[in-house]
């Protein structure tokens, strides 16, 4: 007996393939979005460093704080 879950026939190979394509597309879109967010954040950090004349030690500390913030966000997702 074939059962359908959310309109998808598990025995139908094309339905399965379609779901895989949709999931892969969603994953790729999310990776692109996260890359854009990270790039924008790095640009803002670089601008902050330059505008405020931070020295190397201060810039490193700012980057460490940003890394810690990202790690905390990642932990919240798990």
PDB file of N, CA and C in Angstrom:
ATOM      1  N   UNK A   1       0.838  -1.180   0.000  1.00  0.00           N
ATOM      2  CA  UNK A   1       0.000   0.000   0.000  1.00  0.00           C
ATOM      3  C   UNK A   1       0.883   1.243   0.000  1.00  0.00           C
ATOM      4  N   UNK A   2       0.676   2.112  -0.953  1.00  0.00           N
ATOM      5  CA  UNK A   2       1.415   3.367  -1.024  1.00  0.00           C
ATOM      6  C   UNK A   2       0.710   4.401  -0.161  1.00  0.00           C
ATOM      7  N   UNK A   3       1.441   5.000   0.722  1.00  0.00           N
ATOM      8  CA  UNK A   3       0.864   6.072   1.530  1.00  0.00           C
ATOM      9  C   UNK A   3       1.415   7.391   1.051  1.00  0.00           C
ATOM     10  N   UNK A   4       0.592   8.408   1.151  1.00  0.00           N
ATOM     11  CA  UNK A   4       1.031   9.737   0.751  1.00  0.00           C
ATOM     12  C   UNK A   4       1.174  10.603   1.991  1.00  0.00           C
ATOM     13  N   UNK A   5       2.260  11.316   2.021  1.00  0.00           N
ATOM     14  CA  UNK A   5       2.515  12.257   3.100  1.00  0.00           C
ATOM     15  C   UNK A   5       2.649  13.625   2.470  1.00  0.00           C
ATOM     16  N   UNK A   6       1.792  14.528   2.871  1.00  0.00           N
ATOM     17  CA  UNK A   6       1.788  15.893   2.353  1.00  0.00           C
ATOM     18  C   UNK A   6       1.783  15.886   0.822  1.00  0.00           C
ATOM     19  N   UNK A   7       0.974  15.029   0.239  1.00  0.00           N
ATOM     20  CA  UNK A   7       0.836  15.008  -1.207  1.00  0.00           C
ATOM     21  C   UNK A   7       1.985  14.381  -1.959  1.00  0.00           C
ATOM     22  N   UNK A   8       2.861  13.680  -1.258  1.00  0.00           N
ATOM     23  CA  UNK A   8       4.019  13.061  -1.906  1.00  0.00           C
ATOM     24  C   UNK A   8       3.881  11.551  -1.803  1.00  0.00           C
ATOM     25  N   UNK A   9       3.911  10.900  -2.934  1.00  0.00           N
ATOM     26  CA  UNK A   9       3.851   9.444  -2.978  1.00  0.00           C
ATOM     27  C   UNK A   9       5.272   8.920  -2.815  1.00  0.00           C
ATOM     28  N   UNK A  10       5.539   8.285  -1.672  1.00  0.00           N
ATOM     29  CA  UNK A  10       6.896   7.810  -1.391  1.00  0.00           C
ATOM     30  C   UNK A  10       7.373   6.772  -2.403  1.00  0.00           C
ATOM     31  N   UNK A  11       6.441   6.098  -3.059  1.00  0.00           N
ATOM     32  CA  UNK A  11       6.817   5.093  -4.048  1.00  0.00           C
ATOM     33  C   UNK A  11       7.124   5.715  -5.406  1.00  0.00           C
ATOM     34  N   UNK A  12       6.763   6.971  -5.580  1.00  0.00           N
ATOM     35  CA  UNK A  12       6.973   7.654  -6.856  1.00  0.00           C
ATOM     36  C   UNK A  12       8.344   8.315  -6.849  1.00  0.00           C
ATOM     37  N   UNK A  13       9.223   7.797  -7.672  1.00  0.00           N
ATOM     38  CA  UNK A  13      10.614   8.289  -7.715  1.00  0.00           C
ATOM     39  C   UNK A  13      10.697   9.764  -8.086  1.00  0.00           C
ATOM     40  N   UNK A  14       9.844  10.220  -8.997  1.00  0.00           N
ATOM     41  CA  UNK A  14       9.916  11.626  -9.418  1.00  0.00           C
ATOM     42  C   UNK A  14       9.503  12.563  -8.288  1.00  0.00           C
ATOM     43  N   UNK A  15       8.540  12.138  -7.438  1.00  0.00           N
ATOM     44  CA  UNK A  15       8.177  12.949  -6.276  1.00  0.00           C
ATOM     45  C   UNK A  15       9.366  13.064  -5.327  1.00  0.00           C
ATOM     46  N   UNK A  16      10.027  11.943  -5.106  1.00  0.00           N
ATOM     47  CA  UNK A  16      11.201  11.922  -4.226  1.00  0.00           C
ATOM     48  C   UNK A  16      12.286  12.840  -4.772  1.00  0.00           C
ATOM     49  N   UNK A  17      12.551  12.739  -6.056  1.00  0.00           N
ATOM     50  CA  UNK A  17      13.574  13.581  -6.685  1.00  0.00           C
ATOM     51  C   UNK A  17      13.210  15.060  -6.593  1.00  0.00           C
ATOM     52  N   UNK A  18      11.927  15.359  -6.756  1.00  0.00           N
ATOM     53  CA  UNK A  18      11.479  16.755  -6.668  1.00  0.00           C
ATOM     54  C   UNK A  18      11.715  17.324  -5.278  1.00  0.00           C
ATOM     55  N   UNK A  19      11.440  16.516  -4.270  1.00  0.00           N
ATOM     56  CA  UNK A  19      11.660  16.962  -2.890  1.00  0.00           C
ATOM     57  C   UNK A  19      13.142  17.202  -2.649  1.00  0.00           C
ATOM     58  N   UNK A  20      13.977  16.319  -3.134  1.00  0.00           N
ATOM     59  CA  UNK A  20      15.428  16.477  -2.973  1.00  0.00           C
ATOM     60  C   UNK A  20      15.896  17.765  -3.640  1.00  0.00           C
ATOM     61  N   UNK A  21      15.410  18.034  -4.839  1.00  0.00           N
ATOM     62  CA  UNK A  21      15.782  19.260  -5.549  1.00  0.00           C
ATOM     63  C   UNK A  21      15.333  20.484  -4.754  1.00  0.00           C
ATOM     64  N   UNK A  22      14.111  20.457  -4.235  1.00  0.00           N
ATOM     65  CA  UNK A  22      13.610  21.584  -3.439  1.00  0.00           C
ATOM     66  C   UNK A  22      14.447  21.802  -2.184  1.00  0.00           C
ATOM     67  N   UNK A  23      14.775  20.716  -1.493  1.00  0.00           N
ATOM     68  CA  UNK A  23      15.599  20.834  -0.284  1.00  0.00           C
ATOM     69  C   UNK A  23      16.987  21.374  -0.606  1.00  0.00           C
ATOM     70  N   UNK A  24      17.591  20.864  -1.660  1.00  0.00           N
ATOM     71  CA  UNK A  24      18.926  21.343  -2.041  1.00  0.00           C
ATOM     72  C   UNK A  24      18.899  22.810  -2.445  1.00  0.00           C
ATOM     73  N   UNK A  25      17.847  23.219  -3.139  1.00  0.00           N
ATOM     74  CA  UNK A  25      17.705  24.622  -3.528  1.00  0.00           C
ATOM     75  C   UNK A  25      17.553  25.504  -2.298  1.00  0.00           C
ATOM     76  N   UNK A  26      16.747  25.060  -1.342  1.00  0.00           N
ATOM     77  CA  UNK A  26      16.559  25.827  -0.107  1.00  0.00           C
ATOM     78  C   UNK A  26      17.866  25.939   0.670  1.00  0.00           C
ATOM     79  N   UNK A  27      18.613  24.849   0.728  1.00  0.00           N
ATOM     80  CA  UNK A  27      19.903  24.877   1.434  1.00  0.00           C
ATOM     81  C   UNK A  27      20.881  25.843   0.763  1.00  0.00           C
ATOM     82  N   UNK A  28      20.929  25.789  -0.555  1.00  0.00           N
ATOM     83  CA  UNK A  28      21.830  26.675  -1.295  1.00  0.00           C
ATOM     84  C   UNK A  28      21.436  28.133  -1.102  1.00  0.00           C
ATOM     85  N   UNK A  29      20.143  28.413  -1.157  1.00  0.00           N
ATOM     86  CA  UNK A  29      19.671  29.783  -0.927  1.00  0.00           C
ATOM     87  C   UNK A  29      20.056  30.266   0.464  1.00  0.00           C
ATOM     88  N   UNK A  30      19.906  29.408   1.467  1.00  0.00           N
ATOM     89  CA  UNK A  30      20.259  29.798   2.832  1.00  0.00           C
ATOM     90  C   UNK A  30      21.760  30.050   2.952  1.00  0.00           C
ATOM     91  N   UNK A  31      22.571  29.218   2.317  1.00  0.00           N
ATOM     92  CA  UNK A  31      24.026  29.435   2.344  1.00  0.00           C
ATOM     93  C   UNK A  31      24.384  30.768   1.698  1.00  0.00           C
ATOM     94  N   UNK A  32      23.745  31.074   0.571  1.00  0.00           N
ATOM     95  CA  UNK A  32      23.999  32.355  -0.097  1.00  0.00           C
ATOM     96  C   UNK A  32      23.598  33.516   0.803  1.00  0.00           C
ATOM     97  N   UNK A  33      22.437  33.404   1.431  1.00  0.00           N
ATOM     98  CA  UNK A  33      21.981  34.466   2.331  1.00  0.00           C
ATOM     99  C   UNK A  33      22.943  34.657   3.495  1.00  0.00           C
ATOM    100  N   UNK A  34      23.395  33.563   4.096  1.00  0.00           N
ATOM    101  CA  UNK A  34      24.325  33.657   5.216  1.00  0.00           C
ATOM    102  C   UNK A  34      25.663  34.246   4.775  1.00  0.00           C
ATOM    103  N   UNK A  35      26.113  33.913   3.579  1.00  0.00           N
ATOM    104  CA  UNK A  35      27.358  34.484   3.058  1.00  0.00           C
ATOM    105  C   UNK A  35      27.218  35.988   2.862  1.00  0.00           C
ATOM    106  N   UNK A  36      26.068  36.423   2.354  1.00  0.00           N
ATOM    107  CA  UNK A  36      25.831  37.858   2.169  1.00  0.00           C
ATOM    108  C   UNK A  36      25.792  38.590   3.509  1.00  0.00           C
ATOM    109  N   UNK A  37      25.160  37.983   4.500  1.00  0.00           N
ATOM    110  CA  UNK A  37      25.102  38.582   5.835  1.00  0.00           C
ATOM    111  C   UNK A  37      26.508  38.690   6.420  1.00  0.00           C
ATOM    112  N   UNK A  38      27.288  37.621   6.297  1.00  0.00           N
ATOM    113  CA  UNK A  38      28.652  37.625   6.833  1.00  0.00           C
ATOM    114  C   UNK A  38      29.515  38.669   6.129  1.00  0.00           C
ATOM    115  N   UNK A  39      29.403  38.756   4.816  1.00  0.00           N
ATOM    116  CA  UNK A  39      30.188  39.735   4.063  1.00  0.00           C
ATOM    117  C   UNK A  39      29.820  41.155   4.471  1.00  0.00           C
ATOM    118  N   UNK A  40      28.537  41.420   4.621  1.00  0.00           N
ATOM    119  CA  UNK A  40      28.094  42.758   5.033  1.00  0.00           C
ATOM    120  C   UNK A  40      28.607  43.089   6.429  1.00  0.00           C
ATOM    121  N   UNK A  41      28.580  42.109   7.318  1.00  0.00           N
ATOM    122  CA  UNK A  41      29.073  42.333   8.685  1.00  0.00           C
ATOM    123  C   UNK A  41      30.573  42.626   8.667  1.00  0.00           C
ATOM    124  N   UNK A  42      31.330  41.905   7.851  1.00  0.00           N
ATOM    125  CA  UNK A  42      32.770  42.157   7.760  1.00  0.00           C
ATOM    126  C   UNK A  42      33.055  43.554   7.217  1.00  0.00           C
ATOM    127  N   UNK A  43      32.272  43.990   6.248  1.00  0.00           N
ATOM    128  CA  UNK A  43      32.445  45.342   5.702  1.00  0.00           C
ATOM    129  C   UNK A  43      32.177  46.376   6.792  1.00  0.00           C
ATOM    130  N   UNK A  44      31.117  46.165   7.581  1.00  0.00           N
ATOM    131  CA  UNK A  44      30.822  47.102   8.678  1.00  0.00           C
ATOM    132  C   UNK A  44      31.937  47.119   9.719  1.00  0.00           C
ATOM    133  N   UNK A  45      32.467  45.936  10.039  1.00  0.00           N
ATOM    134  CA  UNK A  45      33.572  45.874  11.003  1.00  0.00           C
ATOM    135  C   UNK A  45      34.809  46.588  10.460  1.00  0.00           C
ATOM    136  N   UNK A  46      35.117  46.374   9.191  1.00  0.00           N
ATOM    137  CA  UNK A  46      36.273  47.040   8.580  1.00  0.00           C
ATOM    138  C   UNK A  46      36.095  48.554   8.600  1.00  0.00           C
ATOM    139  N   UNK A  47      34.892  49.018   8.299  1.00  0.00           N
ATOM    140  CA  UNK A  47      34.615  50.459   8.331  1.00  0.00           C
ATOM    141  C   UNK A  47      34.780  51.010   9.738  1.00  0.00           C
ATOM    142  N   UNK A  48      34.278  50.272  10.713  1.00  0.00           N
ATOM    143  CA  UNK A  48      34.392  50.695  12.114  1.00  0.00           C
ATOM    144  C   UNK A  48      35.866  50.791  12.523  1.00  0.00           C
ATOM    145  N   UNK A  49      36.640  49.791  12.130  1.00  0.00           N
ATOM    146  CA  UNK A  49      38.071  49.782  12.456  1.00  0.00           C
ATOM    147  C   UNK A  49      38.764  50.986  11.828  1.00  0.00           C
ATOM    148  N   UNK A  50      38.479  51.243  10.562  1.00  0.00           N
ATOM    149  CA  UNK A  50      39.127  52.350   9.853  1.00  0.00           C
ATOM    150  C   UNK A  50      38.674  53.708  10.381  1.00  0.00           C
ATOM    151  N   UNK A  51      37.383  53.896  10.557  1.00  0.00           N
ATOM    152  CA  UNK A  51      36.855  55.194  10.987  1.00  0.00           C
ATOM    153  C   UNK A  51      37.292  55.567  12.397  1.00  0.00           C
ATOM    154  N   UNK A  52      37.459  54.555  13.242  1.00  0.00           N
ATOM    155  CA  UNK A  52      37.840  54.826  14.624  1.00  0.00           C
ATOM    156  C   UNK A  52      39.330  54.659  14.875  1.00  0.00           C
ATOM    157  N   UNK A  53      40.085  54.367  13.835  1.00  0.00           N
ATOM    158  CA  UNK A  53      41.532  54.260  13.964  1.00  0.00           C
ATOM    159  C   UNK A  53      41.977  53.189  14.944  1.00  0.00           C
ATOM    160  N   UNK A  54      41.261  52.069  14.973  1.00  0.00           N
ATOM    161  CA  UNK A  54      41.637  51.000  15.893  1.00  0.00           C
ATOM    162  C   UNK A  54      43.006  50.444  15.519  1.00  0.00           C
ATOM    163  N   UNK A  55      43.793  50.135  16.535  1.00  0.00           N
ATOM    164  CA  UNK A  55      45.081  49.501  16.271  1.00  0.00           C
ATOM    165  C   UNK A  55      44.862  47.998  16.101  1.00  0.00           C
ATOM    166  N   UNK A  56      45.929  47.276  15.827  1.00  0.00           N
ATOM    167  CA  UNK A  56      45.812  45.841  15.544  1.00  0.00           C
ATOM    168  C   UNK A  56      45.209  45.072  16.713  1.00  0.00           C
ATOM    169  N   UNK A  57      45.633  45.389  17.916  1.00  0.00           N
ATOM    170  CA  UNK A  57      45.122  44.682  19.096  1.00  0.00           C
ATOM    171  C   UNK A  57      43.624  44.920  19.254  1.00  0.00           C
ATOM    172  N   UNK A  58      43.189  46.155  19.068  1.00  0.00           N
ATOM    173  CA  UNK A  58      41.764  46.477  19.184  1.00  0.00           C
ATOM    174  C   UNK A  58      40.951  45.809  18.073  1.00  0.00           C
ATOM    175  N   UNK A  59      41.513  45.782  16.878  1.00  0.00           N
ATOM    176  CA  UNK A  59      40.823  45.150  15.751  1.00  0.00           C
ATOM    177  C   UNK A  59      40.679  43.645  15.980  1.00  0.00           C
ATOM    178  N   UNK A  60      41.730  43.033  16.490  1.00  0.00           N
ATOM    179  CA  UNK A  60      41.678  41.600  16.790  1.00  0.00           C
ATOM    180  C   UNK A  60      40.616  41.323  17.844  1.00  0.00           C
ATOM    181  N   UNK A  61      40.550  42.134  18.865  1.00  0.00           N
ATOM    182  CA  UNK A  61      39.543  41.946  19.914  1.00  0.00           C
ATOM    183  C   UNK A  61      38.134  42.104  19.346  1.00  0.00           C
ATOM    184  N   UNK A  62      37.942  43.074  18.482  1.00  0.00           N
ATOM    185  CA  UNK A  62      36.640  43.269  17.845  1.00  0.00           C
ATOM    186  C   UNK A  62      36.253  42.034  17.028  1.00  0.00           C
ATOM    187  N   UNK A  63      37.207  41.479  16.298  1.00  0.00           N
ATOM    188  CA  UNK A  63      36.947  40.270  15.513  1.00  0.00           C
ATOM    189  C   UNK A  63      36.641  39.072  16.411  1.00  0.00           C
ATOM    190  N   UNK A  64      37.336  38.969  17.522  1.00  0.00           N
ATOM    191  CA  UNK A  64      37.055  37.877  18.470  1.00  0.00           C
ATOM    192  C   UNK A  64      35.648  38.003  19.048  1.00  0.00           C
ATOM    193  N   UNK A  65      35.246  39.222  19.367  1.00  0.00           N
ATOM    194  CA  UNK A  65      33.891  39.436  19.883  1.00  0.00           C
ATOM    195  C   UNK A  65      32.849  39.042  18.841  1.00  0.00           C
ATOM    196  N   UNK A  66      33.107  39.385  17.599  1.00  0.00           N
ATOM    197  CA  UNK A  66      32.177  39.025  16.524  1.00  0.00           C
ATOM    198  C   UNK A  66      32.112  37.508  16.360  1.00  0.00           C
ATOM    199  N   UNK A  67      33.251  36.844  16.428  1.00  0.00           N
ATOM    200  CA  UNK A  67      33.276  35.382  16.327  1.00  0.00           C
ATOM    201  C   UNK A  67      32.482  34.751  17.468  1.00  0.00           C
ATOM    202  N   UNK A  68      32.619  35.300  18.655  1.00  0.00           N
ATOM    203  CA  UNK A  68      31.876  34.792  19.811  1.00  0.00           C
ATOM    204  C   UNK A  68      30.370  34.972  19.615  1.00  0.00           C
ATOM    205  N   UNK A  69      29.978  36.115  19.081  1.00  0.00           N
ATOM    206  CA  UNK A  69      28.561  36.366  18.800  1.00  0.00           C
ATOM    207  C   UNK A  69      28.021  35.345  17.805  1.00  0.00           C
ATOM    208  N   UNK A  70      28.783  35.068  16.768  1.00  0.00           N
ATOM    209  CA  UNK A  70      28.369  34.092  15.755  1.00  0.00           C
ATOM    210  C   UNK A  70      28.259  32.699  16.372  1.00  0.00           C
ATOM    211  N   UNK A  71      29.220  32.339  17.217  1.00  0.00           N
ATOM    212  CA  UNK A  71      29.182  31.031  17.874  1.00  0.00           C
ATOM    213  C   UNK A  71      27.941  30.889  18.748  1.00  0.00           C
ATOM    214  N   UNK A  72      27.590  31.945  19.474  1.00  0.00           N
ATOM    215  CA  UNK A  72      26.396  31.902  20.327  1.00  0.00           C
ATOM    216  C   UNK A  72      25.135  31.727  19.485  1.00  0.00           C
ATOM    217  N   UNK A  73      25.068  32.428  18.369  1.00  0.00           N
ATOM    218  CA  UNK A  73      23.908  32.288  17.476  1.00  0.00           C
ATOM    219  C   UNK A  73      23.816  30.866  16.939  1.00  0.00           C
ATOM    220  N   UNK A  74      24.955  30.283  16.587  1.00  0.00           N
ATOM    221  CA  UNK A  74      24.969  28.914  16.066  1.00  0.00           C
ATOM    222  C   UNK A  74      24.513  27.925  17.132  1.00  0.00           C
ATOM    223  N   UNK A  75      24.928  28.138  18.373  1.00  0.00           N
ATOM    224  CA  UNK A  75      24.524  27.255  19.465  1.00  0.00           C
ATOM    225  C   UNK A  75      23.026  27.338  19.723  1.00  0.00           C
ATOM    226  N   UNK A  76      22.446  28.514  19.541  1.00  0.00           N
ATOM    227  CA  UNK A  76      21.005  28.676  19.740  1.00  0.00           C
ATOM    228  C   UNK A  76      20.211  27.866  18.723  1.00  0.00           C
ATOM    229  N   UNK A  77      20.783  27.618  17.553  1.00  0.00           N
ATOM    230  CA  UNK A  77      20.100  26.872  16.502  1.00  0.00           C
ATOM    231  C   UNK A  77      20.120  25.370  16.745  1.00  0.00           C
ATOM    232  N   UNK A  78      20.980  24.911  17.629  1.00  0.00           N
ATOM    233  CA  UNK A  78      21.069  23.458  17.880  1.00  0.00           C
ATOM    234  C   UNK A  78      20.231  23.037  19.032  1.00  0.00           C
TER     235      UNK A  78
END
